[in-house]
Amino acid sequence: MSESRYPKKGKILMLGEGDFSFTTSLLRFVDDPSCVVATCIETKDTITKKHRNAASNITDLRSKGVTVLYAIDATRLVKYHTLKDQQFSYIIFNFPHVGGKASIGQNRKLLKHLFC
């Protein structure tokens, strides 16, 4: 059985990345890495200090044409001019949660705001 590739058309929006390892892994299945936009809620400085592999993953992604954006709140995507008018065929939020030892209620609120 041959390995399926996606997407043949359209763009992929990655939300809530930590060290950008999920996006890095996803590229094995993407024909055109420039169709991928990877985001995280943290700033570049914060994420590279917090996650030891983040800097190398970000460098790898950018060298392949992936757009990497920082300080992006997944519940308020329309406020970012870089995302506002783009259409995405796939939106992937690999591990949606508010961070820390959050309650289920806070995580449900995050998902509700995301989908609204």
PDB file of N, CA and C in Angstrom:
ATOM      1  N   MET A   1       0.849  -1.174   0.000  1.00  0.00           N
ATOM      2  CA  MET A   1       0.000   0.000   0.000  1.00  0.00           C
ATOM      3  C   MET A   1       0.897   1.240   0.000  1.00  0.00           C
ATOM      4  N   SER A   2       0.605   2.157  -0.894  1.00  0.00           N
ATOM      5  CA  SER A   2       1.427   3.366  -0.988  1.00  0.00           C
ATOM      6  C   SER A   2       1.011   4.384   0.076  1.00  0.00           C
ATOM      7  N   GLU A   3       1.988   5.185   0.458  1.00  0.00           N
ATOM      8  CA  GLU A   3       1.737   6.220   1.465  1.00  0.00           C
ATOM      9  C   GLU A   3       0.936   7.356   0.837  1.00  0.00           C
ATOM     10  N   SER A   4      -0.159   7.722   1.471  1.00  0.00           N
ATOM     11  CA  SER A   4      -0.983   8.805   0.945  1.00  0.00           C
ATOM     12  C   SER A   4      -0.393  10.158   1.350  1.00  0.00           C
ATOM     13  N   ARG A   5      -0.487  11.120   0.450  1.00  0.00           N
ATOM     14  CA  ARG A   5       0.013  12.471   0.698  1.00  0.00           C
ATOM     15  C   ARG A   5      -1.171  13.421   0.729  1.00  0.00           C
ATOM     16  N   TYR A   6      -1.113  14.442   1.547  1.00  0.00           N
ATOM     17  CA  TYR A   6      -2.164  15.442   1.576  1.00  0.00           C
ATOM     18  C   TYR A   6      -1.553  16.768   1.955  1.00  0.00           C
ATOM     19  N   PRO A   7      -2.143  17.890   1.734  1.00  0.00           N
ATOM     20  CA  PRO A   7      -3.293  18.055   0.856  1.00  0.00           C
ATOM     21  C   PRO A   7      -2.820  18.236  -0.583  1.00  0.00           C
ATOM     22  N   LYS A   8      -3.606  17.812  -1.483  1.00  0.00           N
ATOM     23  CA  LYS A   8      -3.304  18.054  -2.891  1.00  0.00           C
ATOM     24  C   LYS A   8      -3.628  19.508  -3.229  1.00  0.00           C
ATOM     25  N   LYS A   9      -4.565  20.078  -2.523  1.00  0.00           N
ATOM     26  CA  LYS A   9      -4.935  21.484  -2.694  1.00  0.00           C
ATOM     27  C   LYS A   9      -5.158  22.085  -1.325  1.00  0.00           C
ATOM     28  N   GLY A  10      -4.966  23.379  -1.221  1.00  0.00           N
ATOM     29  CA  GLY A  10      -5.308  24.078   0.001  1.00  0.00           C
ATOM     30  C   GLY A  10      -4.151  24.235   0.962  1.00  0.00           C
ATOM     31  N   LYS A  11      -4.459  24.893   2.051  1.00  0.00           N
ATOM     32  CA  LYS A  11      -3.465  25.219   3.064  1.00  0.00           C
ATOM     33  C   LYS A  11      -3.801  24.525   4.374  1.00  0.00           C
ATOM     34  N   ILE A  12      -2.759  24.358   5.186  1.00  0.00           N
ATOM     35  CA  ILE A  12      -2.914  23.739   6.501  1.00  0.00           C
ATOM     36  C   ILE A  12      -2.535  24.769   7.556  1.00  0.00           C
ATOM     37  N   LEU A  13      -3.418  24.950   8.544  1.00  0.00           N
ATOM     38  CA  LEU A  13      -3.130  25.818   9.682  1.00  0.00           C
ATOM     39  C   LEU A  13      -2.915  24.938  10.899  1.00  0.00           C
ATOM     40  N   MET A  14      -1.731  25.062  11.487  1.00  0.00           N
ATOM     41  CA  MET A  14      -1.392  24.324  12.704  1.00  0.00           C
ATOM     42  C   MET A  14      -1.544  25.280  13.878  1.00  0.00           C
ATOM     43  N   LEU A  15      -2.358  24.925  14.844  1.00  0.00           N
ATOM     44  CA  LEU A  15      -2.595  25.784  16.013  1.00  0.00           C
ATOM     45  C   LEU A  15      -1.955  25.182  17.260  1.00  0.00           C
ATOM     46  N   GLY A  16      -1.505  26.051  18.143  1.00  0.00           N
ATOM     47  CA  GLY A  16      -1.069  25.629  19.462  1.00  0.00           C
ATOM     48  C   GLY A  16       0.164  24.763  19.512  1.00  0.00           C
ATOM     49  N   GLU A  17       1.097  24.984  18.612  1.00  0.00           N
ATOM     50  CA  GLU A  17       2.318  24.190  18.643  1.00  0.00           C
ATOM     51  C   GLU A  17       3.113  24.483  19.910  1.00  0.00           C
ATOM     52  N   GLY A  18       3.840  23.503  20.376  1.00  0.00           N
ATOM     53  CA  GLY A  18       4.735  23.673  21.510  1.00  0.00           C
ATOM     54  C   GLY A  18       6.141  23.885  20.975  1.00  0.00           C
ATOM     55  N   ASP A  19       6.830  22.801  20.678  1.00  0.00           N
ATOM     56  CA  ASP A  19       8.192  22.918  20.143  1.00  0.00           C
ATOM     57  C   ASP A  19       8.218  22.762  18.616  1.00  0.00           C
ATOM     58  N   PHE A  20       7.061  22.764  17.996  1.00  0.00           N
ATOM     59  CA  PHE A  20       6.897  22.649  16.544  1.00  0.00           C
ATOM     60  C   PHE A  20       7.305  21.275  16.013  1.00  0.00           C
ATOM     61  N   SER A  21       7.380  20.278  16.870  1.00  0.00           N
ATOM     62  CA  SER A  21       7.740  18.930  16.424  1.00  0.00           C
ATOM     63  C   SER A  21       6.598  18.265  15.654  1.00  0.00           C
ATOM     64  N   PHE A  22       5.352  18.594  15.999  1.00  0.00           N
ATOM     65  CA  PHE A  22       4.237  17.986  15.269  1.00  0.00           C
ATOM     66  C   PHE A  22       4.227  18.474  13.822  1.00  0.00           C
ATOM     67  N   THR A  23       4.417  19.768  13.627  1.00  0.00           N
ATOM     68  CA  THR A  23       4.471  20.298  12.261  1.00  0.00           C
ATOM     69  C   THR A  23       5.659  19.704  11.501  1.00  0.00           C
ATOM     70  N   THR A  24       6.787  19.586  12.168  1.00  0.00           N
ATOM     71  CA  THR A  24       7.972  18.985  11.542  1.00  0.00           C
ATOM     72  C   THR A  24       7.653  17.572  11.066  1.00  0.00           C
ATOM     73  N   SER A  25       6.971  16.790  11.891  1.00  0.00           N
ATOM     74  CA  SER A  25       6.596  15.424  11.513  1.00  0.00           C
ATOM     75  C   SER A  25       5.572  15.399  10.388  1.00  0.00           C
ATOM     76  N   LEU A  26       4.656  16.341  10.411  1.00  0.00           N
ATOM     77  CA  LEU A  26       3.609  16.408   9.393  1.00  0.00           C
ATOM     78  C   LEU A  26       4.177  16.596   7.989  1.00  0.00           C
ATOM     79  N   LEU A  27       5.293  17.270   7.877  1.00  0.00           N
ATOM     80  CA  LEU A  27       5.844  17.581   6.557  1.00  0.00           C
ATOM     81  C   LEU A  27       6.175  16.344   5.728  1.00  0.00           C
ATOM     82  N   ARG A  28       6.327  15.191   6.370  1.00  0.00           N
ATOM     83  CA  ARG A  28       6.557  13.946   5.614  1.00  0.00           C
ATOM     84  C   ARG A  28       5.381  13.629   4.700  1.00  0.00           C
ATOM     85  N   PHE A  29       4.213  14.149   5.024  1.00  0.00           N
ATOM     86  CA  PHE A  29       2.994  13.826   4.289  1.00  0.00           C
ATOM     87  C   PHE A  29       2.471  14.968   3.431  1.00  0.00           C
ATOM     88  N   VAL A  30       3.208  16.045   3.345  1.00  0.00           N
ATOM     89  CA  VAL A  30       2.757  17.242   2.633  1.00  0.00           C
ATOM     90  C   VAL A  30       3.600  17.430   1.380  1.00  0.00           C
ATOM     91  N   ASP A  31       2.925  17.614   0.251  1.00  0.00           N
ATOM     92  CA  ASP A  31       3.634  17.818  -1.012  1.00  0.00           C
ATOM     93  C   ASP A  31       4.317  19.179  -1.074  1.00  0.00           C
ATOM     94  N   ASP A  32       3.672  20.199  -0.538  1.00  0.00           N
ATOM     95  CA  ASP A  32       4.194  21.568  -0.622  1.00  0.00           C
ATOM     96  C   ASP A  32       4.235  22.199   0.767  1.00  0.00           C
ATOM     97  N   PRO A  33       5.405  22.186   1.422  1.00  0.00           N
ATOM     98  CA  PRO A  33       5.500  22.757   2.772  1.00  0.00           C
ATOM     99  C   PRO A  33       5.116  24.230   2.856  1.00  0.00           C
ATOM    100  N   SER A  34       5.183  24.951   1.750  1.00  0.00           N
ATOM    101  CA  SER A  34       4.815  26.370   1.796  1.00  0.00           C
ATOM    102  C   SER A  34       3.315  26.565   2.009  1.00  0.00           C
ATOM    103  N   CYS A  35       2.532  25.492   1.958  1.00  0.00           N
ATOM    104  CA  CYS A  35       1.089  25.590   2.220  1.00  0.00           C
ATOM    105  C   CYS A  35       0.783  25.444   3.712  1.00  0.00           C
ATOM    106  N   VAL A  36       1.822  25.312   4.537  1.00  0.00           N
ATOM    107  CA  VAL A  36       1.637  25.107   5.976  1.00  0.00           C
ATOM    108  C   VAL A  36       1.941  26.396   6.738  1.00  0.00           C
ATOM    109  N   VAL A  37       1.036  26.745   7.662  1.00  0.00           N
ATOM    110  CA  VAL A  37       1.236  27.856   8.589  1.00  0.00           C
ATOM    111  C   VAL A  37       1.178  27.260   9.992  1.00  0.00           C
ATOM    112  N   ALA A  38       2.291  27.357  10.735  1.00  0.00           N
ATOM    113  CA  ALA A  38       2.375  26.801  12.088  1.00  0.00           C
ATOM    114  C   ALA A  38       2.388  27.933  13.102  1.00  0.00           C
ATOM    115  N   THR A  39       1.547  27.812  14.136  1.00  0.00           N
ATOM    116  CA  THR A  39       1.424  28.881  15.126  1.00  0.00           C
ATOM    117  C   THR A  39       1.605  28.349  16.542  1.00  0.00           C
ATOM    118  N   CYS A  40       1.977  29.270  17.425  1.00  0.00           N
ATOM    119  CA  CYS A  40       1.998  28.972  18.858  1.00  0.00           C
ATOM    120  C   CYS A  40       1.523  30.213  19.596  1.00  0.00           C
ATOM    121  N   ILE A  41       1.078  30.025  20.815  1.00  0.00           N
ATOM    122  CA  ILE A  41       0.568  31.157  21.593  1.00  0.00           C
ATOM    123  C   ILE A  41       1.702  31.949  22.248  1.00  0.00           C
ATOM    124  N   GLU A  42       2.859  31.341  22.371  1.00  0.00           N
ATOM    125  CA  GLU A  42       3.980  31.986  23.045  1.00  0.00           C
ATOM    126  C   GLU A  42       4.814  32.837  22.084  1.00  0.00           C
ATOM    127  N   THR A  43       5.645  33.697  22.644  1.00  0.00           N
ATOM    128  CA  THR A  43       6.573  34.475  21.829  1.00  0.00           C
ATOM    129  C   THR A  43       7.740  33.577  21.425  1.00  0.00           C
ATOM    130  N   LYS A  44       8.513  34.023  20.457  1.00  0.00           N
ATOM    131  CA  LYS A  44       9.666  33.238  20.020  1.00  0.00           C
ATOM    132  C   LYS A  44      10.652  33.032  21.174  1.00  0.00           C
ATOM    133  N   ASP A  45      10.927  34.079  21.924  1.00  0.00           N
ATOM    134  CA  ASP A  45      11.865  33.966  23.046  1.00  0.00           C
ATOM    135  C   ASP A  45      11.374  32.962  24.082  1.00  0.00           C
ATOM    136  N   THR A  46      10.119  33.051  24.430  1.00  0.00           N
ATOM    137  CA  THR A  46       9.561  32.145  25.444  1.00  0.00           C
ATOM    138  C   THR A  46       9.604  30.703  24.986  1.00  0.00           C
ATOM    139  N   ILE A  47       9.190  30.470  23.756  1.00  0.00           N
ATOM    140  CA  ILE A  47       9.101  29.083  23.287  1.00  0.00           C
ATOM    141  C   ILE A  47      10.477  28.441  23.116  1.00  0.00           C
ATOM    142  N   THR A  48      11.461  29.217  22.675  1.00  0.00           N
ATOM    143  CA  THR A  48      12.794  28.638  22.499  1.00  0.00           C
ATOM    144  C   THR A  48      13.503  28.415  23.830  1.00  0.00           C
ATOM    145  N   LYS A  49      13.143  29.178  24.851  1.00  0.00           N
ATOM    146  CA  LYS A  49      13.705  28.942  26.188  1.00  0.00           C
ATOM    147  C   LYS A  49      13.017  27.762  26.869  1.00  0.00           C
ATOM    148  N   LYS A  50      11.741  27.616  26.626  1.00  0.00           N
ATOM    149  CA  LYS A  50      10.936  26.582  27.286  1.00  0.00           C
ATOM    150  C   LYS A  50      11.152  25.193  26.674  1.00  0.00           C
ATOM    151  N   HIS A  51      11.331  25.135  25.364  1.00  0.00           N
ATOM    152  CA  HIS A  51      11.450  23.851  24.647  1.00  0.00           C
ATOM    153  C   HIS A  51      12.811  23.774  23.953  1.00  0.00           C
ATOM    154  N   ARG A  52      13.642  22.849  24.372  1.00  0.00           N
ATOM    155  CA  ARG A  52      15.020  22.810  23.860  1.00  0.00           C
ATOM    156  C   ARG A  52      15.121  22.510  22.367  1.00  0.00           C
ATOM    157  N   ASN A  53      14.134  21.833  21.771  1.00  0.00           N
ATOM    158  CA  ASN A  53      14.187  21.520  20.341  1.00  0.00           C
ATOM    159  C   ASN A  53      13.468  22.545  19.468  1.00  0.00           C
ATOM    160  N   ALA A  54      12.849  23.511  20.076  1.00  0.00           N
ATOM    161  CA  ALA A  54      12.037  24.468  19.318  1.00  0.00           C
ATOM    162  C   ALA A  54      12.859  25.237  18.291  1.00  0.00           C
ATOM    163  N   ALA A  55      14.004  25.767  18.672  1.00  0.00           N
ATOM    164  CA  ALA A  55      14.798  26.589  17.749  1.00  0.00           C
ATOM    165  C   ALA A  55      15.202  25.800  16.506  1.00  0.00           C
ATOM    166  N   SER A  56      15.655  24.568  16.685  1.00  0.00           N
ATOM    167  CA  SER A  56      16.061  23.774  15.520  1.00  0.00           C
ATOM    168  C   SER A  56      14.858  23.371  14.673  1.00  0.00           C
ATOM    169  N   ASN A  57      13.720  23.071  15.317  1.00  0.00           N
ATOM    170  CA  ASN A  57      12.507  22.746  14.545  1.00  0.00           C
ATOM    171  C   ASN A  57      12.036  23.950  13.741  1.00  0.00           C
ATOM    172  N   ILE A  58      12.071  25.126  14.340  1.00  0.00           N
ATOM    173  CA  ILE A  58      11.645  26.350  13.655  1.00  0.00           C
ATOM    174  C   ILE A  58      12.558  26.637  12.463  1.00  0.00           C
ATOM    175  N   THR A  59      13.856  26.503  12.671  1.00  0.00           N
ATOM    176  CA  THR A  59      14.812  26.722  11.578  1.00  0.00           C
ATOM    177  C   THR A  59      14.552  25.743  10.434  1.00  0.00           C
ATOM    178  N   ASP A  60      14.317  24.487  10.770  1.00  0.00           N
ATOM    179  CA  ASP A  60      14.029  23.459   9.763  1.00  0.00           C
ATOM    180  C   ASP A  60      12.747  23.784   8.994  1.00  0.00           C
ATOM    181  N   LEU A  61      11.702  24.155   9.723  1.00  0.00           N
ATOM    182  CA  LEU A  61      10.424  24.477   9.078  1.00  0.00           C
ATOM    183  C   LEU A  61      10.564  25.660   8.128  1.00  0.00           C
ATOM    184  N   ARG A  62      11.191  26.713   8.601  1.00  0.00           N
ATOM    185  CA  ARG A  62      11.354  27.916   7.770  1.00  0.00           C
ATOM    186  C   ARG A  62      12.205  27.622   6.535  1.00  0.00           C
ATOM    187  N   SER A  63      13.224  26.786   6.663  1.00  0.00           N
ATOM    188  CA  SER A  63      14.077  26.456   5.513  1.00  0.00           C
ATOM    189  C   SER A  63      13.302  25.697   4.443  1.00  0.00           C
ATOM    190  N   LYS A  64      12.205  25.062   4.843  1.00  0.00           N
ATOM    191  CA  LYS A  64      11.367  24.310   3.902  1.00  0.00           C
ATOM    192  C   LYS A  64      10.199  25.131   3.377  1.00  0.00           C
ATOM    193  N   GLY A  65      10.078  26.385   3.843  1.00  0.00           N
ATOM    194  CA  GLY A  65       9.026  27.256   3.334  1.00  0.00           C
ATOM    195  C   GLY A  65       7.790  27.358   4.194  1.00  0.00           C
ATOM    196  N   VAL A  66       7.792  26.747   5.379  1.00  0.00           N
ATOM    197  CA  VAL A  66       6.660  26.835   6.295  1.00  0.00           C
ATOM    198  C   VAL A  66       6.647  28.220   6.935  1.00  0.00           C
ATOM    199  N   THR A  67       5.458  28.802   7.053  1.00  0.00           N
ATOM    200  CA  THR A  67       5.294  30.056   7.770  1.00  0.00           C
ATOM    201  C   THR A  67       5.135  29.733   9.249  1.00  0.00           C
ATOM    202  N   VAL A  68       5.958  30.351  10.094  1.00  0.00           N
ATOM    203  CA  VAL A  68       5.898  30.144  11.537  1.00  0.00           C
ATOM    204  C   VAL A  68       5.502  31.473  12.186  1.00  0.00           C
ATOM    205  N   LEU A  69       4.434  31.447  12.976  1.00  0.00           N
ATOM    206  CA  LEU A  69       3.925  32.649  13.627  1.00  0.00           C
ATOM    207  C   LEU A  69       3.870  32.449  15.135  1.00  0.00           C
ATOM    208  N   TYR A  70       4.226  33.497  15.869  1.00  0.00           N
ATOM    209  CA  TYR A  70       4.264  33.462  17.327  1.00  0.00           C
ATOM    210  C   TYR A  70       3.175  34.354  17.909  1.00  0.00           C
ATOM    211  N   ALA A  71       2.855  34.120  19.183  1.00  0.00           N
ATOM    212  CA  ALA A  71       1.877  34.923  19.919  1.00  0.00           C
ATOM    213  C   ALA A  71       0.520  34.945  19.218  1.00  0.00           C
ATOM    214  N   ILE A  72       0.085  33.779  18.756  1.00  0.00           N
ATOM    215  CA  ILE A  72      -1.202  33.648  18.077  1.00  0.00           C
ATOM    216  C   ILE A  72      -2.180  32.928  19.004  1.00  0.00           C
ATOM    217  N   ASP A  73      -3.240  33.625  19.384  1.00  0.00           N
ATOM    218  CA  ASP A  73      -4.298  33.057  20.219  1.00  0.00           C
ATOM    219  C   ASP A  73      -5.296  32.370  19.286  1.00  0.00           C
ATOM    220  N   ALA A  74      -5.407  31.065  19.400  1.00  0.00           N
ATOM    221  CA  ALA A  74      -6.264  30.286  18.499  1.00  0.00           C
ATOM    222  C   ALA A  74      -7.733  30.660  18.597  1.00  0.00           C
ATOM    223  N   THR A  75      -8.131  31.291  19.692  1.00  0.00           N
ATOM    224  CA  THR A  75      -9.537  31.666  19.847  1.00  0.00           C
ATOM    225  C   THR A  75      -9.846  33.031  19.238  1.00  0.00           C
ATOM    226  N   ARG A  76      -8.822  33.715  18.730  1.00  0.00           N
ATOM    227  CA  ARG A  76      -9.015  35.064  18.170  1.00  0.00           C
ATOM    228  C   ARG A  76      -8.281  35.221  16.840  1.00  0.00           C
ATOM    229  N   LEU A  77      -8.422  34.259  15.966  1.00  0.00           N
ATOM    230  CA  LEU A  77      -7.666  34.256  14.716  1.00  0.00           C
ATOM    231  C   LEU A  77      -7.969  35.448  13.823  1.00  0.00           C
ATOM    232  N   VAL A  78      -9.195  35.951  13.859  1.00  0.00           N
ATOM    233  CA  VAL A  78      -9.564  37.060  12.976  1.00  0.00           C
ATOM    234  C   VAL A  78      -8.837  38.355  13.308  1.00  0.00           C
ATOM    235  N   LYS A  79      -8.259  38.456  14.483  1.00  0.00           N
ATOM    236  CA  LYS A  79      -7.562  39.695  14.849  1.00  0.00           C
ATOM    237  C   LYS A  79      -6.158  39.785  14.247  1.00  0.00           C
ATOM    238  N   TYR A  80      -5.658  38.713  13.657  1.00  0.00           N
ATOM    239  CA  TYR A  80      -4.309  38.706  13.088  1.00  0.00           C
ATOM    240  C   TYR A  80      -4.387  38.914  11.579  1.00  0.00           C
ATOM    241  N   HIS A  81      -3.867  40.042  11.124  1.00  0.00           N
ATOM    242  CA  HIS A  81      -3.967  40.373   9.700  1.00  0.00           C
ATOM    243  C   HIS A  81      -3.288  39.327   8.824  1.00  0.00           C
ATOM    244  N   THR A  82      -2.277  38.628   9.331  1.00  0.00           N
ATOM    245  CA  THR A  82      -1.594  37.600   8.536  1.00  0.00           C
ATOM    246  C   THR A  82      -2.462  36.367   8.311  1.00  0.00           C
ATOM    247  N   LEU A  83      -3.494  36.181   9.128  1.00  0.00           N
ATOM    248  CA  LEU A  83      -4.376  35.018   9.000  1.00  0.00           C
ATOM    249  C   LEU A  83      -5.787  35.371   8.551  1.00  0.00           C
ATOM    250  N   LYS A  84      -6.185  36.603   8.782  1.00  0.00           N
ATOM    251  CA  LYS A  84      -7.582  37.022   8.630  1.00  0.00           C
ATOM    252  C   LYS A  84      -8.208  36.652   7.284  1.00  0.00           C
ATOM    253  N   ASP A  85      -7.532  36.927   6.197  1.00  0.00           N
ATOM    254  CA  ASP A  85      -8.136  36.717   4.880  1.00  0.00           C
ATOM    255  C   ASP A  85      -7.704  35.418   4.207  1.00  0.00           C
ATOM    256  N   GLN A  86      -7.008  34.561   4.942  1.00  0.00           N
ATOM    257  CA  GLN A  86      -6.592  33.294   4.353  1.00  0.00           C
ATOM    258  C   GLN A  86      -7.661  32.234   4.566  1.00  0.00           C
ATOM    259  N   GLN A  87      -7.737  31.328   3.619  1.00  0.00           N
ATOM    260  CA  GLN A  87      -8.637  30.189   3.763  1.00  0.00           C
ATOM    261  C   GLN A  87      -7.785  28.938   3.897  1.00  0.00           C
ATOM    262  N   PHE A  88      -8.165  28.084   4.831  1.00  0.00           N
ATOM    263  CA  PHE A  88      -7.423  26.860   5.087  1.00  0.00           C
ATOM    264  C   PHE A  88      -8.297  25.649   4.811  1.00  0.00           C
ATOM    265  N   SER A  89      -7.715  24.658   4.171  1.00  0.00           N
ATOM    266  CA  SER A  89      -8.424  23.404   3.920  1.00  0.00           C
ATOM    267  C   SER A  89      -8.413  22.516   5.151  1.00  0.00           C
ATOM    268  N   TYR A  90      -7.354  22.646   5.952  1.00  0.00           N
ATOM    269  CA  TYR A  90      -7.201  21.847   7.162  1.00  0.00           C
ATOM    270  C   TYR A  90      -6.778  22.762   8.306  1.00  0.00           C
ATOM    271  N   ILE A  91      -7.408  22.581   9.454  1.00  0.00           N
ATOM    272  CA  ILE A  91      -6.989  23.275  10.665  1.00  0.00           C
ATOM    273  C   ILE A  91      -6.734  22.187  11.703  1.00  0.00           C
ATOM    274  N   ILE A  92      -5.499  22.131  12.178  1.00  0.00           N
ATOM    275  CA  ILE A  92      -5.103  21.071  13.097  1.00  0.00           C
ATOM    276  C   ILE A  92      -4.658  21.701  14.417  1.00  0.00           C
ATOM    277  N   PHE A  93      -5.349  21.327  15.475  1.00  0.00           N
ATOM    278  CA  PHE A  93      -4.984  21.754  16.826  1.00  0.00           C
ATOM    279  C   PHE A  93      -4.654  20.453  17.554  1.00  0.00           C
ATOM    280  N   ASN A  94      -3.392  20.048  17.487  1.00  0.00           N
ATOM    281  CA  ASN A  94      -2.979  18.729  17.933  1.00  0.00           C
ATOM    282  C   ASN A  94      -3.300  18.443  19.394  1.00  0.00           C
ATOM    283  N   PHE A  95      -3.037  19.363  20.280  1.00  0.00           N
ATOM    284  CA  PHE A  95      -3.254  19.126  21.704  1.00  0.00           C
ATOM    285  C   PHE A  95      -3.821  20.387  22.339  1.00  0.00           C
ATOM    286  N   PRO A  96      -5.106  20.660  22.088  1.00  0.00           N
ATOM    287  CA  PRO A  96      -5.673  21.906  22.599  1.00  0.00           C
ATOM    288  C   PRO A  96      -5.836  21.888  24.116  1.00  0.00           C
ATOM    289  N   HIS A  97      -5.094  22.742  24.783  1.00  0.00           N
ATOM    290  CA  HIS A  97      -5.312  22.947  26.208  1.00  0.00           C
ATOM    291  C   HIS A  97      -4.678  24.263  26.631  1.00  0.00           C
ATOM    292  N   VAL A  98      -5.151  24.781  27.736  1.00  0.00           N
ATOM    293  CA  VAL A  98      -4.777  26.129  28.155  1.00  0.00           C
ATOM    294  C   VAL A  98      -3.416  26.204  28.830  1.00  0.00           C
ATOM    295  N   GLY A  99      -2.797  25.090  29.073  1.00  0.00           N
ATOM    296  CA  GLY A  99      -1.477  25.072  29.703  1.00  0.00           C
ATOM    297  C   GLY A  99      -1.566  24.882  31.201  1.00  0.00           C
ATOM    298  N   GLY A 100      -0.465  24.430  31.774  1.00  0.00           N
ATOM    299  CA  GLY A 100      -0.429  24.219  33.215  1.00  0.00           C
ATOM    300  C   GLY A 100      -1.380  23.130  33.657  1.00  0.00           C
ATOM    301  N   LYS A 101      -1.766  23.187  34.899  1.00  0.00           N
ATOM    302  CA  LYS A 101      -2.700  22.208  35.459  1.00  0.00           C
ATOM    303  C   LYS A 101      -4.105  22.787  35.411  1.00  0.00           C
ATOM    304  N   ALA A 102      -4.591  22.959  34.197  1.00  0.00           N
ATOM    305  CA  ALA A 102      -5.900  23.577  33.992  1.00  0.00           C
ATOM    306  C   ALA A 102      -7.024  22.588  34.272  1.00  0.00           C
ATOM    307  N   SER A 103      -8.159  23.124  34.585  1.00  0.00           N
ATOM    308  CA  SER A 103      -9.330  22.283  34.800  1.00  0.00           C
ATOM    309  C   SER A 103      -9.964  21.921  33.466  1.00  0.00           C
ATOM    310  N   ILE A 104     -10.776  20.902  33.502  1.00  0.00           N
ATOM    311  CA  ILE A 104     -11.512  20.494  32.302  1.00  0.00           C
ATOM    312  C   ILE A 104     -12.390  21.646  31.826  1.00  0.00           C
ATOM    313  N   GLY A 105     -12.943  22.391  32.752  1.00  0.00           N
ATOM    314  CA  GLY A 105     -13.793  23.526  32.400  1.00  0.00           C
ATOM    315  C   GLY A 105     -13.062  24.572  31.581  1.00  0.00           C
ATOM    316  N   GLN A 106     -11.812  24.874  31.950  1.00  0.00           N
ATOM    317  CA  GLN A 106     -11.023  25.851  31.192  1.00  0.00           C
ATOM    318  C   GLN A 106     -10.710  25.331  29.786  1.00  0.00           C
ATOM    319  N   ASN A 107     -10.413  24.051  29.674  1.00  0.00           N
ATOM    320  CA  ASN A 107     -10.135  23.482  28.361  1.00  0.00           C
ATOM    321  C   ASN A 107     -11.390  23.445  27.489  1.00  0.00           C
ATOM    322  N   ARG A 108     -12.533  23.167  28.093  1.00  0.00           N
ATOM    323  CA  ARG A 108     -13.798  23.199  27.339  1.00  0.00           C
ATOM    324  C   ARG A 108     -14.080  24.615  26.837  1.00  0.00           C
ATOM    325  N   LYS A 109     -13.805  25.598  27.676  1.00  0.00           N
ATOM    326  CA  LYS A 109     -13.999  26.995  27.282  1.00  0.00           C
ATOM    327  C   LYS A 109     -13.087  27.351  26.103  1.00  0.00           C
ATOM    328  N   LEU A 110     -11.847  26.880  26.134  1.00  0.00           N
ATOM    329  CA  LEU A 110     -10.922  27.096  25.021  1.00  0.00           C
ATOM    330  C   LEU A 110     -11.496  26.534  23.724  1.00  0.00           C
ATOM    331  N   LEU A 111     -11.956  25.298  23.770  1.00  0.00           N
ATOM    332  CA  LEU A 111     -12.509  24.672  22.566  1.00  0.00           C
ATOM    333  C   LEU A 111     -13.777  25.374  22.091  1.00  0.00           C
ATOM    334  N   LYS A 112     -14.617  25.792  23.009  1.00  0.00           N
ATOM    335  CA  LYS A 112     -15.834  26.524  22.633  1.00  0.00           C
ATOM    336  C   LYS A 112     -15.480  27.812  21.910  1.00  0.00           C
ATOM    337  N   HIS A 113     -14.519  28.573  22.442  1.00  0.00           N
ATOM    338  CA  HIS A 113     -14.095  29.824  21.794  1.00  0.00           C
ATOM    339  C   HIS A 113     -13.451  29.552  20.434  1.00  0.00           C
ATOM    340  N   LEU A 114     -12.710  28.497  20.350  1.00  0.00           N
ATOM    341  CA  LEU A 114     -12.085  28.124  19.073  1.00  0.00           C
ATOM    342  C   LEU A 114     -13.128  27.851  17.999  1.00  0.00           C
ATOM    343  N   PHE A 115     -14.113  27.052  18.333  1.00  0.00           N
ATOM    344  CA  PHE A 115     -15.109  26.665  17.348  1.00  0.00           C
ATOM    345  C   PHE A 115     -16.092  27.786  17.032  1.00  0.00           C
ATOM    346  N   CYS A 116     -16.308  28.690  17.971  1.00  0.00           N
ATOM    347  CA  CYS A 116     -17.202  29.822  17.698  1.00  0.00           C
ATOM    348  C   CYS A 116     -16.506  30.805  16.784  1.00  0.00           C
TER     349      CYS A 116
END
